[in-house]
C-alpha cells in the first residue's frame, strides 16, 4: 500500500500540520516526512486543508475541517501573492 493511500498516515500528517498551525510554525517541508507532497494533495482533495504556494515554494496551509478550522501555518515574510492554490 502506498503511504498516500494509508488513512492512518494521512491522519498523522494532518495532526502534524494542525500542531504547526496552532504553534504559528512553518508548514512541513518536502523531505521531512515520507510521501509528504502526495499526502498534502490527498488532504486538500478531501477538503481538510487548503494549500497556498508562494515564492521559493513556501507553503501556507489552512485547516478547513475540525475544531481548528481557519488556523493557518506561518505566513511568508516577503510580499507577494501565492502562485498556486489547491
PDB file of N, CA and C in Angstrom:
ATOM      1  N   UNK A   1       0.840  -1.188   0.000  1.00  0.00           N
ATOM      2  CA  UNK A   1       0.000   0.000   0.000  1.00  0.00           C
ATOM      3  C   UNK A   1       0.884   1.249   0.000  1.00  0.00           C
ATOM      4  N   UNK A   2       0.539   2.189  -0.856  1.00  0.00           N
ATOM      5  CA  UNK A   2       1.270   3.452  -0.894  1.00  0.00           C
ATOM      6  C   UNK A   2       0.905   4.271   0.347  1.00  0.00           C
ATOM      7  N   UNK A   3       1.886   5.020   0.856  1.00  0.00           N
ATOM      8  CA  UNK A   3       1.637   5.812   2.065  1.00  0.00           C
ATOM      9  C   UNK A   3       0.494   6.802   1.874  1.00  0.00           C
ATOM     10  N   UNK A   4       0.388   7.385   0.675  1.00  0.00           N
ATOM     11  CA  UNK A   4      -0.675   8.369   0.466  1.00  0.00           C
ATOM     12  C   UNK A   4      -2.068   7.743   0.485  1.00  0.00           C
ATOM     13  N   UNK A   5      -2.146   6.409   0.365  1.00  0.00           N
ATOM     14  CA  UNK A   5      -3.422   5.700   0.452  1.00  0.00           C
ATOM     15  C   UNK A   5      -3.717   5.212   1.874  1.00  0.00           C
ATOM     16  N   UNK A   6      -2.778   5.375   2.772  1.00  0.00           N
ATOM     17  CA  UNK A   6      -2.904   4.894   4.144  1.00  0.00           C
ATOM     18  C   UNK A   6      -3.606   5.957   4.995  1.00  0.00           C
ATOM     19  N   UNK A   7      -4.836   5.692   5.374  1.00  0.00           N
ATOM     20  CA  UNK A   7      -5.649   6.663   6.118  1.00  0.00           C
ATOM     21  C   UNK A   7      -5.005   7.048   7.453  1.00  0.00           C
ATOM     22  N   UNK A   8      -4.380   6.093   8.133  1.00  0.00           N
ATOM     23  CA  UNK A   8      -3.736   6.379   9.408  1.00  0.00           C
ATOM     24  C   UNK A   8      -2.576   7.366   9.211  1.00  0.00           C
ATOM     25  N   UNK A   9      -1.779   7.167   8.155  1.00  0.00           N
ATOM     26  CA  UNK A   9      -0.661   8.076   7.891  1.00  0.00           C
ATOM     27  C   UNK A   9      -1.186   9.454   7.475  1.00  0.00           C
ATOM     28  N   UNK A  10      -2.272   9.486   6.710  1.00  0.00           N
ATOM     29  CA  UNK A  10      -2.895  10.766   6.353  1.00  0.00           C
ATOM     30  C   UNK A  10      -3.282  11.525   7.621  1.00  0.00           C
ATOM     31  N   UNK A  11      -3.891  10.826   8.565  1.00  0.00           N
ATOM     32  CA  UNK A  11      -4.301  11.458   9.820  1.00  0.00           C
ATOM     33  C   UNK A  11      -3.106  11.942  10.627  1.00  0.00           C
ATOM     34  N   UNK A  12      -2.007  11.186  10.615  1.00  0.00           N
ATOM     35  CA  UNK A  12      -0.798  11.605  11.327  1.00  0.00           C
ATOM     36  C   UNK A  12      -0.251  12.902  10.736  1.00  0.00           C
ATOM     37  N   UNK A  13      -0.192  12.977   9.412  1.00  0.00           N
ATOM     38  CA  UNK A  13       0.313  14.184   8.760  1.00  0.00           C
ATOM     39  C   UNK A  13      -0.638  15.356   9.025  1.00  0.00           C
ATOM     40  N   UNK A  14      -1.940  15.111   8.959  1.00  0.00           N
ATOM     41  CA  UNK A  14      -2.916  16.166   9.265  1.00  0.00           C
ATOM     42  C   UNK A  14      -2.697  16.687  10.684  1.00  0.00           C
ATOM     43  N   UNK A  15      -2.503  15.805  11.644  1.00  0.00           N
ATOM     44  CA  UNK A  15      -2.268  16.215  13.035  1.00  0.00           C
ATOM     45  C   UNK A  15      -0.993  17.045  13.167  1.00  0.00           C
ATOM     46  N   UNK A  16       0.044  16.681  12.432  1.00  0.00           N
ATOM     47  CA  UNK A  16       1.300  17.447  12.448  1.00  0.00           C
ATOM     48  C   UNK A  16       1.058  18.849  11.901  1.00  0.00           C
ATOM     49  N   UNK A  17       0.308  18.948  10.816  1.00  0.00           N
ATOM     50  CA  UNK A  17       0.001  20.252  10.221  1.00  0.00           C
ATOM     51  C   UNK A  17      -0.800  21.105  11.206  1.00  0.00           C
ATOM     52  N   UNK A  18      -1.787  20.518  11.854  1.00  0.00           N
ATOM     53  CA  UNK A  18      -2.598  21.254  12.834  1.00  0.00           C
ATOM     54  C   UNK A  18      -1.713  21.762  13.968  1.00  0.00           C
ATOM     55  N   UNK A  19      -0.845  20.924  14.495  1.00  0.00           N
ATOM     56  CA  UNK A  19       0.040  21.337  15.593  1.00  0.00           C
ATOM     57  C   UNK A  19       0.936  22.491  15.171  1.00  0.00           C
ATOM     58  N   UNK A  20       1.472  22.416  13.955  1.00  0.00           N
ATOM     59  CA  UNK A  20       2.335  23.501  13.470  1.00  0.00           C
ATOM     60  C   UNK A  20       1.537  24.788  13.272  1.00  0.00           C
ATOM     61  N   UNK A  21       0.332  24.662  12.761  1.00  0.00           N
ATOM     62  CA  UNK A  21      -0.505  25.851  12.567  1.00  0.00           C
ATOM     63  C   UNK A  21      -0.838  26.494  13.912  1.00  0.00           C
ATOM     64  N   UNK A  22      -1.209  25.690  14.886  1.00  0.00           N
ATOM     65  CA  UNK A  22      -1.536  26.219  16.215  1.00  0.00           C
ATOM     66  C   UNK A  22      -0.334  26.897  16.865  1.00  0.00           C
ATOM     67  N   UNK A  23       0.862  26.404  16.563  1.00  0.00           N
ATOM     68  CA  UNK A  23       2.085  26.970  17.131  1.00  0.00           C
ATOM     69  C   UNK A  23       2.619  28.140  16.304  1.00  0.00           C
ATOM     70  N   UNK A  24       1.981  28.430  15.154  1.00  0.00           N
ATOM     71  CA  UNK A  24       2.452  29.511  14.291  1.00  0.00           C
ATOM     72  C   UNK A  24       3.733  29.170  13.563  1.00  0.00           C
ATOM     73  N   UNK A  25       3.957  27.894  13.343  1.00  0.00           N
ATOM     74  CA  UNK A  25       5.182  27.436  12.684  1.00  0.00           C
ATOM     75  C   UNK A  25       4.964  27.246  11.189  1.00  0.00           C
ATOM     76  N   UNK A  26       6.079  27.086  10.499  1.00  0.00           N
ATOM     77  CA  UNK A  26       6.053  26.842   9.057  1.00  0.00           C
ATOM     78  C   UNK A  26       5.449  25.469   8.764  1.00  0.00           C
ATOM     79  N   UNK A  27       4.785  25.360   7.615  1.00  0.00           N
ATOM     80  CA  UNK A  27       4.236  24.078   7.170  1.00  0.00           C
ATOM     81  C   UNK A  27       5.366  23.076   6.963  1.00  0.00           C
ATOM     82  N   UNK A  28       5.086  21.789   7.121  1.00  0.00           N
ATOM     83  CA  UNK A  28       6.120  20.778   6.869  1.00  0.00           C
ATOM     84  C   UNK A  28       6.673  20.919   5.454  1.00  0.00           C
ATOM     85  N   UNK A  29       7.972  20.691   5.328  1.00  0.00           N
ATOM     86  CA  UNK A  29       8.633  20.819   4.037  1.00  0.00           C
ATOM     87  C   UNK A  29       8.890  19.447   3.435  1.00  0.00           C
ATOM     88  N   UNK A  30       8.975  19.427   2.112  1.00  0.00           N
ATOM     89  CA  UNK A  30       9.283  18.190   1.407  1.00  0.00           C
ATOM     90  C   UNK A  30      10.564  17.603   1.984  1.00  0.00           C
ATOM     91  N   UNK A  31      10.566  16.329   2.245  1.00  0.00           N
ATOM     92  CA  UNK A  31      11.740  15.663   2.791  1.00  0.00           C
ATOM     93  C   UNK A  31      11.663  15.432   4.289  1.00  0.00           C
ATOM     94  N   UNK A  32      10.784  16.138   4.981  1.00  0.00           N
ATOM     95  CA  UNK A  32      10.646  15.938   6.422  1.00  0.00           C
ATOM     96  C   UNK A  32       9.932  14.633   6.750  1.00  0.00           C
ATOM     97  N   UNK A  33       8.987  14.260   5.901  1.00  0.00           N
ATOM     98  CA  UNK A  33       8.194  13.048   6.118  1.00  0.00           C
ATOM     99  C   UNK A  33       8.075  12.298   4.804  1.00  0.00           C
ATOM    100  N   UNK A  34       7.956  10.981   4.873  1.00  0.00           N
ATOM    101  CA  UNK A  34       7.816  10.167   3.666  1.00  0.00           C
ATOM    102  C   UNK A  34       6.519  10.510   2.943  1.00  0.00           C
ATOM    103  N   UNK A  35       6.602  10.596   1.627  1.00  0.00           N
ATOM    104  CA  UNK A  35       5.437  10.825   0.754  1.00  0.00           C
ATOM    105  C   UNK A  35       4.654  12.079   1.117  1.00  0.00           C
ATOM    106  N   UNK A  36       5.329  13.107   1.618  1.00  0.00           N
ATOM    107  CA  UNK A  36       4.615  14.309   2.056  1.00  0.00           C
ATOM    108  C   UNK A  36       3.843  15.005   0.932  1.00  0.00           C
ATOM    109  N   UNK A  37       4.456  15.331  -0.219  1.00  0.00           N
ATOM    110  CA  UNK A  37       3.675  16.040  -1.248  1.00  0.00           C
ATOM    111  C   UNK A  37       2.406  15.310  -1.684  1.00  0.00           C
ATOM    112  N   UNK A  38       2.439  13.992  -1.945  1.00  0.00           N
ATOM    113  CA  UNK A  38       1.190  13.334  -2.329  1.00  0.00           C
ATOM    114  C   UNK A  38       0.146  13.334  -1.209  1.00  0.00           C
ATOM    115  N   UNK A  39       0.577  13.218   0.029  1.00  0.00           N
ATOM    116  CA  UNK A  39      -0.377  13.207   1.143  1.00  0.00           C
ATOM    117  C   UNK A  39      -1.004  14.584   1.320  1.00  0.00           C
ATOM    118  N   UNK A  40      -0.218  15.643   1.155  1.00  0.00           N
ATOM    119  CA  UNK A  40      -0.758  17.002   1.225  1.00  0.00           C
ATOM    120  C   UNK A  40      -1.847  17.170   0.159  1.00  0.00           C
ATOM    121  N   UNK A  41      -1.584  16.666  -1.041  1.00  0.00           N
ATOM    122  CA  UNK A  41      -2.582  16.764  -2.118  1.00  0.00           C
ATOM    123  C   UNK A  41      -3.838  15.960  -1.790  1.00  0.00           C
ATOM    124  N   UNK A  42      -3.672  14.786  -1.209  1.00  0.00           N
ATOM    125  CA  UNK A  42      -4.829  13.972  -0.814  1.00  0.00           C
ATOM    126  C   UNK A  42      -5.662  14.713   0.232  1.00  0.00           C
ATOM    127  N   UNK A  43      -5.005  15.291   1.228  1.00  0.00           N
ATOM    128  CA  UNK A  43      -5.723  16.028   2.275  1.00  0.00           C
ATOM    129  C   UNK A  43      -6.480  17.223   1.689  1.00  0.00           C
ATOM    130  N   UNK A  44      -5.875  17.880   0.701  1.00  0.00           N
ATOM    131  CA  UNK A  44      -6.547  19.003   0.044  1.00  0.00           C
ATOM    132  C   UNK A  44      -7.756  18.515  -0.756  1.00  0.00           C
ATOM    133  N   UNK A  45      -7.600  17.406  -1.469  1.00  0.00           N
ATOM    134  CA  UNK A  45      -8.721  16.850  -2.242  1.00  0.00           C
ATOM    135  C   UNK A  45      -9.863  16.413  -1.330  1.00  0.00           C
ATOM    136  N   UNK A  46      -9.524  15.984  -0.120  1.00  0.00           N
ATOM    137  CA  UNK A  46     -10.545  15.583   0.856  1.00  0.00           C
ATOM    138  C   UNK A  46     -11.246  16.791   1.483  1.00  0.00           C
ATOM    139  N   UNK A  47     -10.718  17.994   1.212  1.00  0.00           N
ATOM    140  CA  UNK A  47     -11.310  19.204   1.779  1.00  0.00           C
ATOM    141  C   UNK A  47     -10.899  19.477   3.207  1.00  0.00           C
ATOM    142  N   UNK A  48      -9.846  18.821   3.667  1.00  0.00           N
ATOM    143  CA  UNK A  48      -9.397  19.008   5.053  1.00  0.00           C
ATOM    144  C   UNK A  48      -8.464  20.202   5.198  1.00  0.00           C
ATOM    145  N   UNK A  49      -7.738  20.544   4.117  1.00  0.00           N
ATOM    146  CA  UNK A  49      -6.798  21.657   4.143  1.00  0.00           C
ATOM    147  C   UNK A  49      -6.857  22.422   2.824  1.00  0.00           C
ATOM    148  N   UNK A  50      -6.351  23.652   2.863  1.00  0.00           N
ATOM    149  CA  UNK A  50      -6.123  24.441   1.649  1.00  0.00           C
ATOM    150  C   UNK A  50      -4.652  24.813   1.661  1.00  0.00           C
ATOM    151  N   UNK A  51      -4.002  24.698   0.515  1.00  0.00           N
ATOM    152  CA  UNK A  51      -2.574  24.973   0.417  1.00  0.00           C
ATOM    153  C   UNK A  51      -2.356  26.160  -0.512  1.00  0.00           C
ATOM    154  N   UNK A  52      -1.562  27.124  -0.063  1.00  0.00           N
ATOM    155  CA  UNK A  52      -1.144  28.257  -0.883  1.00  0.00           C
ATOM    156  C   UNK A  52       0.366  28.161  -1.026  1.00  0.00           C
ATOM    157  N   UNK A  53       0.856  28.196  -2.261  1.00  0.00           N
ATOM    158  CA  UNK A  53       2.292  28.086  -2.508  1.00  0.00           C
ATOM    159  C   UNK A  53       2.807  29.440  -2.989  1.00  0.00           C
ATOM    160  N   UNK A  54       3.803  29.958  -2.284  1.00  0.00           N
ATOM    161  CA  UNK A  54       4.397  31.260  -2.575  1.00  0.00           C
ATOM    162  C   UNK A  54       5.793  31.073  -3.169  1.00  0.00           C
ATOM    163  N   UNK A  55       6.469  32.176  -3.412  1.00  0.00           N
ATOM    164  CA  UNK A  55       7.839  32.150  -3.932  1.00  0.00           C
ATOM    165  C   UNK A  55       8.717  31.254  -3.064  1.00  0.00           C
ATOM    166  N   UNK A  56       9.684  30.633  -3.695  1.00  0.00           N
ATOM    167  CA  UNK A  56      10.628  29.731  -3.025  1.00  0.00           C
ATOM    168  C   UNK A  56       9.921  28.531  -2.406  1.00  0.00           C
ATOM    169  N   UNK A  57       8.768  28.164  -2.960  1.00  0.00           N
ATOM    170  CA  UNK A  57       7.973  27.012  -2.508  1.00  0.00           C
ATOM    171  C   UNK A  57       7.546  27.101  -1.043  1.00  0.00           C
ATOM    172  N   UNK A  58       7.418  28.306  -0.528  1.00  0.00           N
ATOM    173  CA  UNK A  58       6.894  28.492   0.835  1.00  0.00           C
ATOM    174  C   UNK A  58       5.416  28.145   0.812  1.00  0.00           C
ATOM    175  N   UNK A  59       5.017  27.231   1.650  1.00  0.00           N
ATOM    176  CA  UNK A  59       3.623  26.806   1.696  1.00  0.00           C
ATOM    177  C   UNK A  59       2.935  27.298   2.971  1.00  0.00           C
ATOM    178  N   UNK A  60       1.739  27.811   2.779  1.00  0.00           N
ATOM    179  CA  UNK A  60       0.872  28.154   3.901  1.00  0.00           C
ATOM    180  C   UNK A  60      -0.312  27.207   3.808  1.00  0.00           C
ATOM    181  N   UNK A  61      -0.560  26.491   4.889  1.00  0.00           N
ATOM    182  CA  UNK A  61      -1.654  25.521   4.900  1.00  0.00           C
ATOM    183  C   UNK A  61      -2.706  25.985   5.900  1.00  0.00           C
ATOM    184  N   UNK A  62      -3.941  26.062   5.416  1.00  0.00           N
ATOM    185  CA  UNK A  62      -5.073  26.435   6.259  1.00  0.00           C
ATOM    186  C   UNK A  62      -5.895  25.191   6.570  1.00  0.00           C
ATOM    187  N   UNK A  63      -6.227  25.027   7.830  1.00  0.00           N
ATOM    188  CA  UNK A  63      -7.067  23.909   8.259  1.00  0.00           C
ATOM    189  C   UNK A  63      -8.518  24.257   7.917  1.00  0.00           C
ATOM    190  N   UNK A  64      -9.204  23.356   7.233  1.00  0.00           N
ATOM    191  CA  UNK A  64     -10.583  23.606   6.811  1.00  0.00           C
ATOM    192  C   UNK A  64     -11.615  22.796   7.584  1.00  0.00           C
ATOM    193  N   UNK A  65     -11.195  21.721   8.235  1.00  0.00           N
ATOM    194  CA  UNK A  65     -12.136  20.838   8.941  1.00  0.00           C
ATOM    195  C   UNK A  65     -11.741  20.696  10.402  1.00  0.00           C
ATOM    196  N   UNK A  66     -12.728  20.471  11.246  1.00  0.00           N
ATOM    197  CA  UNK A  66     -12.460  20.196  12.651  1.00  0.00           C
ATOM    198  C   UNK A  66     -12.506  21.438  13.516  1.00  0.00           C
ATOM    199  N   UNK A  67     -12.170  21.254  14.775  1.00  0.00           N
ATOM    200  CA  UNK A  67     -12.258  22.339  15.755  1.00  0.00           C
ATOM    201  C   UNK A  67     -11.227  23.437  15.522  1.00  0.00           C
ATOM    202  N   UNK A  68     -10.218  23.166  14.705  1.00  0.00           N
ATOM    203  CA  UNK A  68      -9.185  24.164  14.426  1.00  0.00           C
ATOM    204  C   UNK A  68      -9.330  24.781  13.042  1.00  0.00           C
ATOM    205  N   UNK A  69     -10.496  24.659  12.439  1.00  0.00           N
ATOM    206  CA  UNK A  69     -10.731  25.235  11.113  1.00  0.00           C
ATOM    207  C   UNK A  69     -10.422  26.729  11.131  1.00  0.00           C
ATOM    208  N   UNK A  70      -9.736  27.184  10.094  1.00  0.00           N
ATOM    209  CA  UNK A  70      -9.367  28.589   9.976  1.00  0.00           C
ATOM    210  C   UNK A  70      -7.957  28.897  10.438  1.00  0.00           C
ATOM    211  N   UNK A  71      -7.339  27.989  11.173  1.00  0.00           N
ATOM    212  CA  UNK A  71      -5.967  28.190  11.644  1.00  0.00           C
ATOM    213  C   UNK A  71      -5.018  27.935  10.474  1.00  0.00           C
ATOM    214  N   UNK A  72      -3.966  28.764  10.374  1.00  0.00           N
ATOM    215  CA  UNK A  72      -3.018  28.670   9.259  1.00  0.00           C
ATOM    216  C   UNK A  72      -1.592  28.527   9.776  1.00  0.00           C
ATOM    217  N   UNK A  73      -0.757  27.880   8.975  1.00  0.00           N
ATOM    218  CA  UNK A  73       0.664  27.816   9.298  1.00  0.00           C
ATOM    219  C   UNK A  73       1.278  29.187   9.024  1.00  0.00           C
ATOM    220  N   UNK A  74       2.521  29.338   9.391  1.00  0.00           N
ATOM    221  CA  UNK A  74       3.233  30.615   9.303  1.00  0.00           C
ATOM    222  C   UNK A  74       3.187  31.189   7.891  1.00  0.00           C
ATOM    223  N   UNK A  75       2.920  32.483   7.823  1.00  0.00           N
ATOM    224  CA  UNK A  75       2.881  33.200   6.547  1.00  0.00           C
ATOM    225  C   UNK A  75       4.309  33.498   6.080  1.00  0.00           C
ATOM    226  N   UNK A  76       4.510  33.670   4.765  1.00  0.00           N
ATOM    227  CA  UNK A  76       5.847  34.026   4.279  1.00  0.00           C
ATOM    228  C   UNK A  76       6.208  35.440   4.732  1.00  0.00           C
ATOM    229  N   UNK A  77       7.493  35.704   4.863  1.00  0.00           N
ATOM    230  CA  UNK A  77       7.920  37.015   5.351  1.00  0.00           C
ATOM    231  C   UNK A  77       7.906  38.075   4.258  1.00  0.00           C
ATOM    232  N   UNK A  78       8.032  37.656   3.016  1.00  0.00           N
ATOM    233  CA  UNK A  78       8.081  38.621   1.922  1.00  0.00           C
ATOM    234  C   UNK A  78       6.720  38.912   1.329  1.00  0.00           C
ATOM    235  N   UNK A  79       6.671  39.940   0.478  1.00  0.00           N
ATOM    236  CA  UNK A  79       5.411  40.288  -0.176  1.00  0.00           C
ATOM    237  C   UNK A  79       5.093  39.314  -1.309  1.00  0.00           C
ATOM    238  N   UNK A  80       3.902  39.418  -1.801  1.00  0.00           N
ATOM    239  CA  UNK A  80       3.527  38.618  -2.961  1.00  0.00           C
ATOM    240  C   UNK A  80       2.372  37.691  -2.682  1.00  0.00           C
ATOM    241  N   UNK A  81       1.669  37.401  -3.750  1.00  0.00           N
ATOM    242  CA  UNK A  81       0.520  36.504  -3.680  1.00  0.00           C
ATOM    243  C   UNK A  81       0.964  35.083  -3.998  1.00  0.00           C
ATOM    244  N   UNK A  82       0.196  34.100  -3.587  1.00  0.00           N
ATOM    245  CA  UNK A  82       0.549  32.717  -3.937  1.00  0.00           C
ATOM    246  C   UNK A  82       0.435  32.514  -5.447  1.00  0.00           C
ATOM    247  N   UNK A  83       1.335  31.697  -5.986  1.00  0.00           N
ATOM    248  CA  UNK A  83       1.260  31.394  -7.413  1.00  0.00           C
ATOM    249  C   UNK A  83       0.481  30.110  -7.667  1.00  0.00           C
ATOM    250  N   UNK A  84       0.147  29.384  -6.592  1.00  0.00           N
ATOM    251  CA  UNK A  84      -0.618  28.151  -6.720  1.00  0.00           C
ATOM    252  C   UNK A  84      -1.460  27.977  -5.462  1.00  0.00           C
ATOM    253  N   UNK A  85      -2.722  27.632  -5.645  1.00  0.00           N
ATOM    254  CA  UNK A  85      -3.619  27.358  -4.520  1.00  0.00           C
ATOM    255  C   UNK A  85      -4.364  26.076  -4.834  1.00  0.00           C
ATOM    256  N   UNK A  86      -4.373  25.162  -3.872  1.00  0.00           N
ATOM    257  CA  UNK A  86      -5.154  23.930  -4.046  1.00  0.00           C
ATOM    258  C   UNK A  86      -5.655  23.445  -2.715  1.00  0.00           C
TER     259      UNK A  86
END
